[in-house]
Amino acid sequence: MMTHMLTRHRDIQNWVTDRKGVPAISRVRDRFGDEHALLRLSFERRRRAPRAGLDETDDMTPCSWTAWLAELDRQQLALRVDSAADDFELVERRSLN
């Protein structure tokens, strides 16, 4: 497993677009009713065959890279990618140290 942490905007955007992905944001409410942005990435092949129990299009709104990357920075997140499996996970940047 070859995992890498991506924090630079250009690297993240290149990794996603190379895999035919687009940025998206879901709006979710916490237990107090406050609305928060949940960053998502939508990939062409995953839309055709979603993983069991997951509907990748639930309340997901496509957005610009500018908006998505600004929210990524605001939430202090990084993109952990597994190049061998084309898999990813959003993680807190403080977990990098």
PDB file of N, CA and C in Angstrom:
ATOM      1  N   MET A   1       0.846  -1.176   0.000  1.00  0.00           N
ATOM      2  CA  MET A   1       0.000   0.000   0.000  1.00  0.00           C
ATOM      3  C   MET A   1       0.890   1.237   0.000  1.00  0.00           C
ATOM      4  N   MET A   2       0.725   2.094  -1.009  1.00  0.00           N
ATOM      5  CA  MET A   2       1.495   3.330  -1.133  1.00  0.00           C
ATOM      6  C   MET A   2       0.596   4.512  -0.786  1.00  0.00           C
ATOM      7  N   THR A   3       0.641   4.971   0.465  1.00  0.00           N
ATOM      8  CA  THR A   3      -0.195   6.112   0.834  1.00  0.00           C
ATOM      9  C   THR A   3       0.635   7.387   0.842  1.00  0.00           C
ATOM     10  N   HIS A   4      -0.023   8.463   0.444  1.00  0.00           N
ATOM     11  CA  HIS A   4       0.588   9.788   0.433  1.00  0.00           C
ATOM     12  C   HIS A   4      -0.417  10.769   1.019  1.00  0.00           C
ATOM     13  N   MET A   5       0.094  11.797   1.679  1.00  0.00           N
ATOM     14  CA  MET A   5      -0.750  12.875   2.179  1.00  0.00           C
ATOM     15  C   MET A   5      -0.616  14.060   1.240  1.00  0.00           C
ATOM     16  N   LEU A   6      -1.732  14.544   0.751  1.00  0.00           N
ATOM     17  CA  LEU A   6      -1.730  15.696  -0.139  1.00  0.00           C
ATOM     18  C   LEU A   6      -2.353  16.888   0.575  1.00  0.00           C
ATOM     19  N   THR A   7      -1.619  17.997   0.604  1.00  0.00           N
ATOM     20  CA  THR A   7      -2.140  19.228   1.191  1.00  0.00           C
ATOM     21  C   THR A   7      -2.098  20.384   0.196  1.00  0.00           C
ATOM     22  N   ARG A   8      -1.221  20.311  -0.785  1.00  0.00           N
ATOM     23  CA  ARG A   8      -1.124  21.378  -1.783  1.00  0.00           C
ATOM     24  C   ARG A   8      -2.312  21.292  -2.736  1.00  0.00           C
ATOM     25  N   HIS A   9      -2.952  22.423  -2.942  1.00  0.00           N
ATOM     26  CA  HIS A   9      -4.160  22.469  -3.774  1.00  0.00           C
ATOM     27  C   HIS A   9      -3.939  21.872  -5.157  1.00  0.00           C
ATOM     28  N   ARG A  10      -2.855  22.218  -5.786  1.00  0.00           N
ATOM     29  CA  ARG A  10      -2.577  21.723  -7.141  1.00  0.00           C
ATOM     30  C   ARG A  10      -2.449  20.201  -7.144  1.00  0.00           C
ATOM     31  N   ASP A  11      -1.776  19.640  -6.132  1.00  0.00           N
ATOM     32  CA  ASP A  11      -1.608  18.184  -6.054  1.00  0.00           C
ATOM     33  C   ASP A  11      -2.950  17.475  -5.859  1.00  0.00           C
ATOM     34  N   ILE A  12      -3.792  18.035  -4.997  1.00  0.00           N
ATOM     35  CA  ILE A  12      -5.108  17.441  -4.742  1.00  0.00           C
ATOM     36  C   ILE A  12      -5.961  17.480  -6.010  1.00  0.00           C
ATOM     37  N   GLN A  13      -6.012  18.637  -6.627  1.00  0.00           N
ATOM     38  CA  GLN A  13      -6.827  18.793  -7.834  1.00  0.00           C
ATOM     39  C   GLN A  13      -6.339  17.874  -8.948  1.00  0.00           C
ATOM     40  N   ASN A  14      -5.029  17.770  -9.117  1.00  0.00           N
ATOM     41  CA  ASN A  14      -4.485  16.878 -10.148  1.00  0.00           C
ATOM     42  C   ASN A  14      -4.823  15.420  -9.859  1.00  0.00           C
ATOM     43  N   TRP A  15      -4.683  14.989  -8.609  1.00  0.00           N
ATOM     44  CA  TRP A  15      -4.956  13.597  -8.246  1.00  0.00           C
ATOM     45  C   TRP A  15      -6.418  13.255  -8.554  1.00  0.00           C
ATOM     46  N   VAL A  16      -7.327  14.147  -8.179  1.00  0.00           N
ATOM     47  CA  VAL A  16      -8.757  13.898  -8.381  1.00  0.00           C
ATOM     48  C   VAL A  16      -9.120  13.925  -9.864  1.00  0.00           C
ATOM     49  N   THR A  17      -8.681  14.948 -10.576  1.00  0.00           N
ATOM     50  CA  THR A  17      -9.064  15.055 -11.992  1.00  0.00           C
ATOM     51  C   THR A  17      -8.422  13.963 -12.841  1.00  0.00           C
ATOM     52  N   ASP A  18      -7.233  13.499 -12.465  1.00  0.00           N
ATOM     53  CA  ASP A  18      -6.608  12.386 -13.186  1.00  0.00           C
ATOM     54  C   ASP A  18      -7.453  11.119 -13.097  1.00  0.00           C
ATOM     55  N   ARG A  19      -8.285  11.023 -12.067  1.00  0.00           N
ATOM     56  CA  ARG A  19      -9.142   9.854 -11.863  1.00  0.00           C
ATOM     57  C   ARG A  19     -10.602  10.150 -12.218  1.00  0.00           C
ATOM     58  N   LYS A  20     -10.790  11.207 -13.005  1.00  0.00           N
ATOM     59  CA  LYS A  20     -12.120  11.617 -13.475  1.00  0.00           C
ATOM     60  C   LYS A  20     -13.065  11.948 -12.324  1.00  0.00           C
ATOM     61  N   GLY A  21     -12.528  12.643 -11.329  1.00  0.00           N
ATOM     62  CA  GLY A  21     -13.325  13.054 -10.188  1.00  0.00           C
ATOM     63  C   GLY A  21     -13.649  14.532 -10.223  1.00  0.00           C
ATOM     64  N   VAL A  22     -14.672  14.892  -9.464  1.00  0.00           N
ATOM     65  CA  VAL A  22     -15.077  16.286  -9.329  1.00  0.00           C
ATOM     66  C   VAL A  22     -15.358  16.581  -7.856  1.00  0.00           C
ATOM     67  N   PRO A  23     -15.146  17.839  -7.440  1.00  0.00           N
ATOM     68  CA  PRO A  23     -15.425  18.204  -6.051  1.00  0.00           C
ATOM     69  C   PRO A  23     -16.919  18.395  -5.822  1.00  0.00           C
ATOM     70  N   ALA A  24     -17.349  18.106  -4.610  1.00  0.00           N
ATOM     71  CA  ALA A  24     -18.752  18.293  -4.234  1.00  0.00           C
ATOM     72  C   ALA A  24     -18.813  18.554  -2.734  1.00  0.00           C
ATOM     73  N   ILE A  25     -19.909  19.140  -2.317  1.00  0.00           N
ATOM     74  CA  ILE A  25     -20.126  19.425  -0.898  1.00  0.00           C
ATOM     75  C   ILE A  25     -21.524  18.955  -0.529  1.00  0.00           C
ATOM     76  N   SER A  26     -21.628  18.308   0.619  1.00  0.00           N
ATOM     77  CA  SER A  26     -22.927  17.948   1.187  1.00  0.00           C
ATOM     78  C   SER A  26     -23.147  18.831   2.404  1.00  0.00           C
ATOM     79  N   ARG A  27     -24.368  19.232   2.611  1.00  0.00           N
ATOM     80  CA  ARG A  27     -24.720  19.996   3.811  1.00  0.00           C
ATOM     81  C   ARG A  27     -25.357  19.023   4.791  1.00  0.00           C
ATOM     82  N   VAL A  28     -24.786  18.956   5.997  1.00  0.00           N
ATOM     83  CA  VAL A  28     -25.299  18.052   7.024  1.00  0.00           C
ATOM     84  C   VAL A  28     -25.570  18.848   8.295  1.00  0.00           C
ATOM     85  N   ARG A  29     -26.497  18.352   9.077  1.00  0.00           N
ATOM     86  CA  ARG A  29     -26.816  19.003  10.355  1.00  0.00           C
ATOM     87  C   ARG A  29     -26.264  18.157  11.498  1.00  0.00           C
ATOM     88  N   ASP A  30     -25.705  18.855  12.487  1.00  0.00           N
ATOM     89  CA  ASP A  30     -25.226  18.147  13.673  1.00  0.00           C
ATOM     90  C   ASP A  30     -26.401  17.938  14.628  1.00  0.00           C
ATOM     91  N   ARG A  31     -26.132  17.379  15.779  1.00  0.00           N
ATOM     92  CA  ARG A  31     -27.215  17.050  16.711  1.00  0.00           C
ATOM     93  C   ARG A  31     -27.899  18.286  17.288  1.00  0.00           C
ATOM     94  N   PHE A  32     -27.265  19.461  17.128  1.00  0.00           N
ATOM     95  CA  PHE A  32     -27.860  20.710  17.598  1.00  0.00           C
ATOM     96  C   PHE A  32     -28.630  21.428  16.492  1.00  0.00           C
ATOM     97  N   GLY A  33     -28.624  20.864  15.296  1.00  0.00           N
ATOM     98  CA  GLY A  33     -29.338  21.461  14.178  1.00  0.00           C
ATOM     99  C   GLY A  33     -28.515  22.434  13.357  1.00  0.00           C
ATOM    100  N   ASP A  34     -27.248  22.629  13.724  1.00  0.00           N
ATOM    101  CA  ASP A  34     -26.379  23.522  12.960  1.00  0.00           C
ATOM    102  C   ASP A  34     -25.918  22.826  11.688  1.00  0.00           C
ATOM    103  N   GLU A  35     -25.896  23.577  10.601  1.00  0.00           N
ATOM    104  CA  GLU A  35     -25.505  23.027   9.305  1.00  0.00           C
ATOM    105  C   GLU A  35     -23.998  23.161   9.100  1.00  0.00           C
ATOM    106  N   HIS A  36     -23.385  22.097   8.582  1.00  0.00           N
ATOM    107  CA  HIS A  36     -21.949  22.067   8.315  1.00  0.00           C
ATOM    108  C   HIS A  36     -21.704  21.506   6.922  1.00  0.00           C
ATOM    109  N   ALA A  37     -20.567  21.883   6.368  1.00  0.00           N
ATOM    110  CA  ALA A  37     -20.179  21.383   5.043  1.00  0.00           C
ATOM    111  C   ALA A  37     -19.413  20.078   5.201  1.00  0.00           C
ATOM    112  N   LEU A  38     -19.808  19.089   4.425  1.00  0.00           N
ATOM    113  CA  LEU A  38     -19.111  17.811   4.377  1.00  0.00           C
ATOM    114  C   LEU A  38     -18.505  17.700   2.987  1.00  0.00           C
ATOM    115  N   LEU A  39     -17.183  17.705   2.924  1.00  0.00           N
ATOM    116  CA  LEU A  39     -16.498  17.637   1.637  1.00  0.00           C
ATOM    117  C   LEU A  39     -16.612  16.240   1.057  1.00  0.00           C
ATOM    118  N   ARG A  40     -16.884  16.190  -0.245  1.00  0.00           N
ATOM    119  CA  ARG A  40     -17.022  14.915  -0.940  1.00  0.00           C
ATOM    120  C   ARG A  40     -16.261  14.988  -2.252  1.00  0.00           C
ATOM    121  N   LEU A  41     -15.951  13.855  -2.784  1.00  0.00           N
ATOM    122  CA  LEU A  41     -15.383  13.742  -4.128  1.00  0.00           C
ATOM    123  C   LEU A  41     -16.218  12.712  -4.869  1.00  0.00           C
ATOM    124  N   SER A  42     -16.618  13.050  -6.059  1.00  0.00           N
ATOM    125  CA  SER A  42     -17.449  12.153  -6.857  1.00  0.00           C
ATOM    126  C   SER A  42     -16.643  11.688  -8.063  1.00  0.00           C
ATOM    127  N   PHE A  43     -16.594  10.372  -8.254  1.00  0.00           N
ATOM    128  CA  PHE A  43     -15.832   9.792  -9.357  1.00  0.00           C
ATOM    129  C   PHE A  43     -16.772   9.081 -10.313  1.00  0.00           C
ATOM    130  N   GLU A  44     -16.505   9.221 -11.587  1.00  0.00           N
ATOM    131  CA  GLU A  44     -17.359   8.659 -12.636  1.00  0.00           C
ATOM    132  C   GLU A  44     -17.626   7.172 -12.431  1.00  0.00           C
ATOM    133  N   ARG A  45     -16.606   6.390 -12.210  1.00  0.00           N
ATOM    134  CA  ARG A  45     -16.787   4.940 -12.087  1.00  0.00           C
ATOM    135  C   ARG A  45     -17.560   4.571 -10.829  1.00  0.00           C
ATOM    136  N   ARG A  46     -17.430   5.353  -9.766  1.00  0.00           N
ATOM    137  CA  ARG A  46     -18.144   5.050  -8.533  1.00  0.00           C
ATOM    138  C   ARG A  46     -19.621   5.373  -8.649  1.00  0.00           C
ATOM    139  N   ARG A  47     -19.975   6.320  -9.508  1.00  0.00           N
ATOM    140  CA  ARG A  47     -21.392   6.625  -9.704  1.00  0.00           C
ATOM    141  C   ARG A  47     -22.092   5.462 -10.378  1.00  0.00           C
ATOM    142  N   ARG A  48     -21.371   4.747 -11.197  1.00  0.00           N
ATOM    143  CA  ARG A  48     -21.976   3.601 -11.895  1.00  0.00           C
ATOM    144  C   ARG A  48     -22.128   2.398 -10.973  1.00  0.00           C
ATOM    145  N   ALA A  49     -21.197   2.211 -10.067  1.00  0.00           N
ATOM    146  CA  ALA A  49     -21.223   1.038  -9.187  1.00  0.00           C
ATOM    147  C   ALA A  49     -20.865   1.445  -7.762  1.00  0.00           C
ATOM    148  N   PRO A  50     -21.798   2.063  -7.024  1.00  0.00           N
ATOM    149  CA  PRO A  50     -21.486   2.474  -5.657  1.00  0.00           C
ATOM    150  C   PRO A  50     -21.266   1.272  -4.751  1.00  0.00           C
ATOM    151  N   ARG A  51     -20.476   1.490  -3.731  1.00  0.00           N
ATOM    152  CA  ARG A  51     -20.235   0.427  -2.757  1.00  0.00           C
ATOM    153  C   ARG A  51     -21.535   0.087  -2.034  1.00  0.00           C
ATOM    154  N   ALA A  52     -21.643  -1.136  -1.578  1.00  0.00           N
ATOM    155  CA  ALA A  52     -22.856  -1.603  -0.908  1.00  0.00           C
ATOM    156  C   ALA A  52     -23.207  -0.686   0.258  1.00  0.00           C
ATOM    157  N   GLY A  53     -24.463  -0.269   0.306  1.00  0.00           N
ATOM    158  CA  GLY A  53     -24.931   0.554   1.409  1.00  0.00           C
ATOM    159  C   GLY A  53     -24.614   2.028   1.274  1.00  0.00           C
ATOM    160  N   LEU A  54     -23.894   2.408   0.248  1.00  0.00           N
ATOM    161  CA  LEU A  54     -23.547   3.818   0.078  1.00  0.00           C
ATOM    162  C   LEU A  54     -24.175   4.365  -1.190  1.00  0.00           C
ATOM    163  N   ASP A  55     -24.864   5.465  -1.051  1.00  0.00           N
ATOM    164  CA  ASP A  55     -25.349   6.172  -2.229  1.00  0.00           C
ATOM    165  C   ASP A  55     -24.495   7.418  -2.346  1.00  0.00           C
ATOM    166  N   GLU A  56     -23.566   7.400  -3.267  1.00  0.00           N
ATOM    167  CA  GLU A  56     -22.577   8.468  -3.394  1.00  0.00           C
ATOM    168  C   GLU A  56     -23.197   9.798  -3.804  1.00  0.00           C
ATOM    169  N   THR A  57     -24.460   9.833  -4.186  1.00  0.00           N
ATOM    170  CA  THR A  57     -25.064  11.082  -4.631  1.00  0.00           C
ATOM    171  C   THR A  57     -25.980  11.699  -3.578  1.00  0.00           C
ATOM    172  N   ASP A  58     -26.052  11.145  -2.380  1.00  0.00           N
ATOM    173  CA  ASP A  58     -26.904  11.682  -1.321  1.00  0.00           C
ATOM    174  C   ASP A  58     -26.595  13.148  -1.061  1.00  0.00           C
ATOM    175  N   ASP A  59     -27.543  14.027  -1.344  1.00  0.00           N
ATOM    176  CA  ASP A  59     -27.409  15.448  -1.021  1.00  0.00           C
ATOM    177  C   ASP A  59     -26.059  16.032  -1.409  1.00  0.00           C
ATOM    178  N   MET A  60     -25.458  15.513  -2.427  1.00  0.00           N
ATOM    179  CA  MET A  60     -24.144  15.968  -2.854  1.00  0.00           C
ATOM    180  C   MET A  60     -24.336  16.995  -3.960  1.00  0.00           C
ATOM    181  N   THR A  61     -23.738  18.170  -3.763  1.00  0.00           N
ATOM    182  CA  THR A  61     -23.846  19.242  -4.738  1.00  0.00           C
ATOM    183  C   THR A  61     -22.483  19.502  -5.356  1.00  0.00           C
ATOM    184  N   PRO A  62     -22.360  19.392  -6.664  1.00  0.00           N
ATOM    185  CA  PRO A  62     -21.080  19.734  -7.295  1.00  0.00           C
ATOM    186  C   PRO A  62     -20.728  21.187  -6.979  1.00  0.00           C
ATOM    187  N   CYS A  63     -19.446  21.465  -6.844  1.00  0.00           N
ATOM    188  CA  CYS A  63     -19.003  22.824  -6.538  1.00  0.00           C
ATOM    189  C   CYS A  63     -17.697  23.106  -7.268  1.00  0.00           C
ATOM    190  N   SER A  64     -17.266  24.340  -7.213  1.00  0.00           N
ATOM    191  CA  SER A  64     -16.009  24.723  -7.860  1.00  0.00           C
ATOM    192  C   SER A  64     -14.832  24.240  -7.021  1.00  0.00           C
ATOM    193  N   TRP A  65     -13.704  24.103  -7.672  1.00  0.00           N
ATOM    194  CA  TRP A  65     -12.490  23.756  -6.938  1.00  0.00           C
ATOM    195  C   TRP A  65     -12.145  24.846  -5.931  1.00  0.00           C
ATOM    196  N   THR A  66     -12.381  26.092  -6.274  1.00  0.00           N
ATOM    197  CA  THR A  66     -12.069  27.202  -5.365  1.00  0.00           C
ATOM    198  C   THR A  66     -12.840  27.053  -4.061  1.00  0.00           C
ATOM    199  N   ALA A  67     -14.145  26.793  -4.150  1.00  0.00           N
ATOM    200  CA  ALA A  67     -14.976  26.631  -2.954  1.00  0.00           C
ATOM    201  C   ALA A  67     -14.569  25.394  -2.165  1.00  0.00           C
ATOM    202  N   TRP A  68     -14.316  24.288  -2.857  1.00  0.00           N
ATOM    203  CA  TRP A  68     -13.972  23.033  -2.192  1.00  0.00           C
ATOM    204  C   TRP A  68     -12.642  23.161  -1.457  1.00  0.00           C
ATOM    205  N   LEU A  69     -11.655  23.725  -2.124  1.00  0.00           N
ATOM    206  CA  LEU A  69     -10.328  23.857  -1.513  1.00  0.00           C
ATOM    207  C   LEU A  69     -10.332  24.871  -0.369  1.00  0.00           C
ATOM    208  N   ALA A  70     -11.139  25.918  -0.467  1.00  0.00           N
ATOM    209  CA  ALA A  70     -11.264  26.879   0.635  1.00  0.00           C
ATOM    210  C   ALA A  70     -11.850  26.192   1.864  1.00  0.00           C
ATOM    211  N   GLU A  71     -12.856  25.333   1.651  1.00  0.00           N
ATOM    212  CA  GLU A  71     -13.458  24.598   2.771  1.00  0.00           C
ATOM    213  C   GLU A  71     -12.478  23.573   3.333  1.00  0.00           C
ATOM    214  N   LEU A  72     -11.691  22.947   2.481  1.00  0.00           N
ATOM    215  CA  LEU A  72     -10.653  22.011   2.932  1.00  0.00           C
ATOM    216  C   LEU A  72      -9.689  22.720   3.881  1.00  0.00           C
ATOM    217  N   ASP A  73      -9.258  23.924   3.503  1.00  0.00           N
ATOM    218  CA  ASP A  73      -8.355  24.704   4.353  1.00  0.00           C
ATOM    219  C   ASP A  73      -9.047  25.146   5.635  1.00  0.00           C
ATOM    220  N   ARG A  74     -10.297  25.586   5.522  1.00  0.00           N
ATOM    221  CA  ARG A  74     -11.027  26.043   6.706  1.00  0.00           C
ATOM    222  C   ARG A  74     -11.161  24.925   7.739  1.00  0.00           C
ATOM    223  N   GLN A  75     -11.387  23.710   7.259  1.00  0.00           N
ATOM    224  CA  GLN A  75     -11.536  22.565   8.160  1.00  0.00           C
ATOM    225  C   GLN A  75     -10.194  21.925   8.518  1.00  0.00           C
ATOM    226  N   GLN A  76      -9.108  22.462   7.972  1.00  0.00           N
ATOM    227  CA  GLN A  76      -7.762  21.944   8.235  1.00  0.00           C
ATOM    228  C   GLN A  76      -7.660  20.454   7.905  1.00  0.00           C
ATOM    229  N   LEU A  77      -8.077  20.099   6.680  1.00  0.00           N
ATOM    230  CA  LEU A  77      -8.045  18.712   6.236  1.00  0.00           C
ATOM    231  C   LEU A  77      -6.968  18.496   5.184  1.00  0.00           C
ATOM    232  N   ALA A  78      -6.564  17.249   5.046  1.00  0.00           N
ATOM    233  CA  ALA A  78      -5.639  16.815   3.999  1.00  0.00           C
ATOM    234  C   ALA A  78      -6.270  15.609   3.313  1.00  0.00           C
ATOM    235  N   LEU A  79      -5.769  15.301   2.137  1.00  0.00           N
ATOM    236  CA  LEU A  79      -6.264  14.146   1.393  1.00  0.00           C
ATOM    237  C   LEU A  79      -5.212  13.047   1.458  1.00  0.00           C
ATOM    238  N   ARG A  80      -5.567  11.930   2.119  1.00  0.00           N
ATOM    239  CA  ARG A  80      -4.676  10.769   2.158  1.00  0.00           C
ATOM    240  C   ARG A  80      -5.076   9.870   1.000  1.00  0.00           C
ATOM    241  N   VAL A  81      -4.121   9.575   0.128  1.00  0.00           N
ATOM    242  CA  VAL A  81      -4.427   8.774  -1.056  1.00  0.00           C
ATOM    243  C   VAL A  81      -3.590   7.508  -1.072  1.00  0.00           C
ATOM    244  N   ASP A  82      -4.188   6.454  -1.597  1.00  0.00           N
ATOM    245  CA  ASP A  82      -3.498   5.193  -1.834  1.00  0.00           C
ATOM    246  C   ASP A  82      -3.395   5.059  -3.344  1.00  0.00           C
ATOM    247  N   SER A  83      -2.234   5.338  -3.861  1.00  0.00           N
ATOM    248  CA  SER A  83      -2.041   5.350  -5.313  1.00  0.00           C
ATOM    249  C   SER A  83      -2.272   3.984  -5.942  1.00  0.00           C
ATOM    250  N   ALA A  84      -1.943   2.934  -5.234  1.00  0.00           N
ATOM    251  CA  ALA A  84      -2.091   1.591  -5.796  1.00  0.00           C
ATOM    252  C   ALA A  84      -3.565   1.223  -5.991  1.00  0.00           C
ATOM    253  N   ALA A  85      -4.422   1.668  -5.075  1.00  0.00           N
ATOM    254  CA  ALA A  85      -5.833   1.285  -5.125  1.00  0.00           C
ATOM    255  C   ALA A  85      -6.742   2.427  -5.570  1.00  0.00           C
ATOM    256  N   ASP A  86      -6.178   3.583  -5.879  1.00  0.00           N
ATOM    257  CA  ASP A  86      -6.981   4.764  -6.217  1.00  0.00           C
ATOM    258  C   ASP A  86      -8.018   5.049  -5.140  1.00  0.00           C
ATOM    259  N   ASP A  87      -7.641   4.860  -3.898  1.00  0.00           N
ATOM    260  CA  ASP A  87      -8.536   5.097  -2.776  1.00  0.00           C
ATOM    261  C   ASP A  87      -8.102   6.374  -2.071  1.00  0.00           C
ATOM    262  N   PHE A  88      -9.010   6.973  -1.293  1.00  0.00           N
ATOM    263  CA  PHE A  88      -8.685   8.215  -0.604  1.00  0.00           C
ATOM    264  C   PHE A  88      -9.470   8.336   0.690  1.00  0.00           C
ATOM    265  N   GLU A  89      -8.995   9.266   1.527  1.00  0.00           N
ATOM    266  CA  GLU A  89      -9.680   9.582   2.771  1.00  0.00           C
ATOM    267  C   GLU A  89      -9.308  11.009   3.144  1.00  0.00           C
ATOM    268  N   LEU A  90     -10.276  11.773   3.631  1.00  0.00           N
ATOM    269  CA  LEU A  90      -9.990  13.098   4.155  1.00  0.00           C
ATOM    270  C   LEU A  90      -9.629  12.948   5.626  1.00  0.00           C
ATOM    271  N   VAL A  91      -8.488  13.505   6.018  1.00  0.00           N
ATOM    272  CA  VAL A  91      -8.007  13.385   7.392  1.00  0.00           C
ATOM    273  C   VAL A  91      -7.625  14.760   7.918  1.00  0.00           C
ATOM    274  N   GLU A  92      -7.597  14.895   9.229  1.00  0.00           N
ATOM    275  CA  GLU A  92      -7.183  16.158   9.843  1.00  0.00           C
ATOM    276  C   GLU A  92      -5.699  16.370   9.608  1.00  0.00           C
ATOM    277  N   ARG A  93      -5.338  17.597   9.283  1.00  0.00           N
ATOM    278  CA  ARG A  93      -3.925  17.901   9.035  1.00  0.00           C
ATOM    279  C   ARG A  93      -3.078  17.699  10.275  1.00  0.00           C
ATOM    280  N   ARG A  94      -3.650  17.935  11.440  1.00  0.00           N
ATOM    281  CA  ARG A  94      -2.838  17.781  12.653  1.00  0.00           C
ATOM    282  C   ARG A  94      -2.404  16.331  12.856  1.00  0.00           C
ATOM    283  N   SER A  95      -3.084  15.392  12.201  1.00  0.00           N
ATOM    284  CA  SER A  95      -2.678  13.986  12.301  1.00  0.00           C
ATOM    285  C   SER A  95      -1.414  13.713  11.491  1.00  0.00           C
ATOM    286  N   LEU A  96      -0.977  14.704  10.696  1.00  0.00           N
ATOM    287  CA  LEU A  96       0.234  14.530   9.894  1.00  0.00           C
ATOM    288  C   LEU A  96       1.490  14.644  10.741  1.00  0.00           C
ATOM    289  N   ASN A  97       1.405  15.328  11.867  1.00  0.00           N
ATOM    290  CA  ASN A  97       2.597  15.562  12.705  1.00  0.00           C
ATOM    291  C   ASN A  97       2.842  14.449  13.676  1.00  0.00           C
TER     292      ASN A  97
END
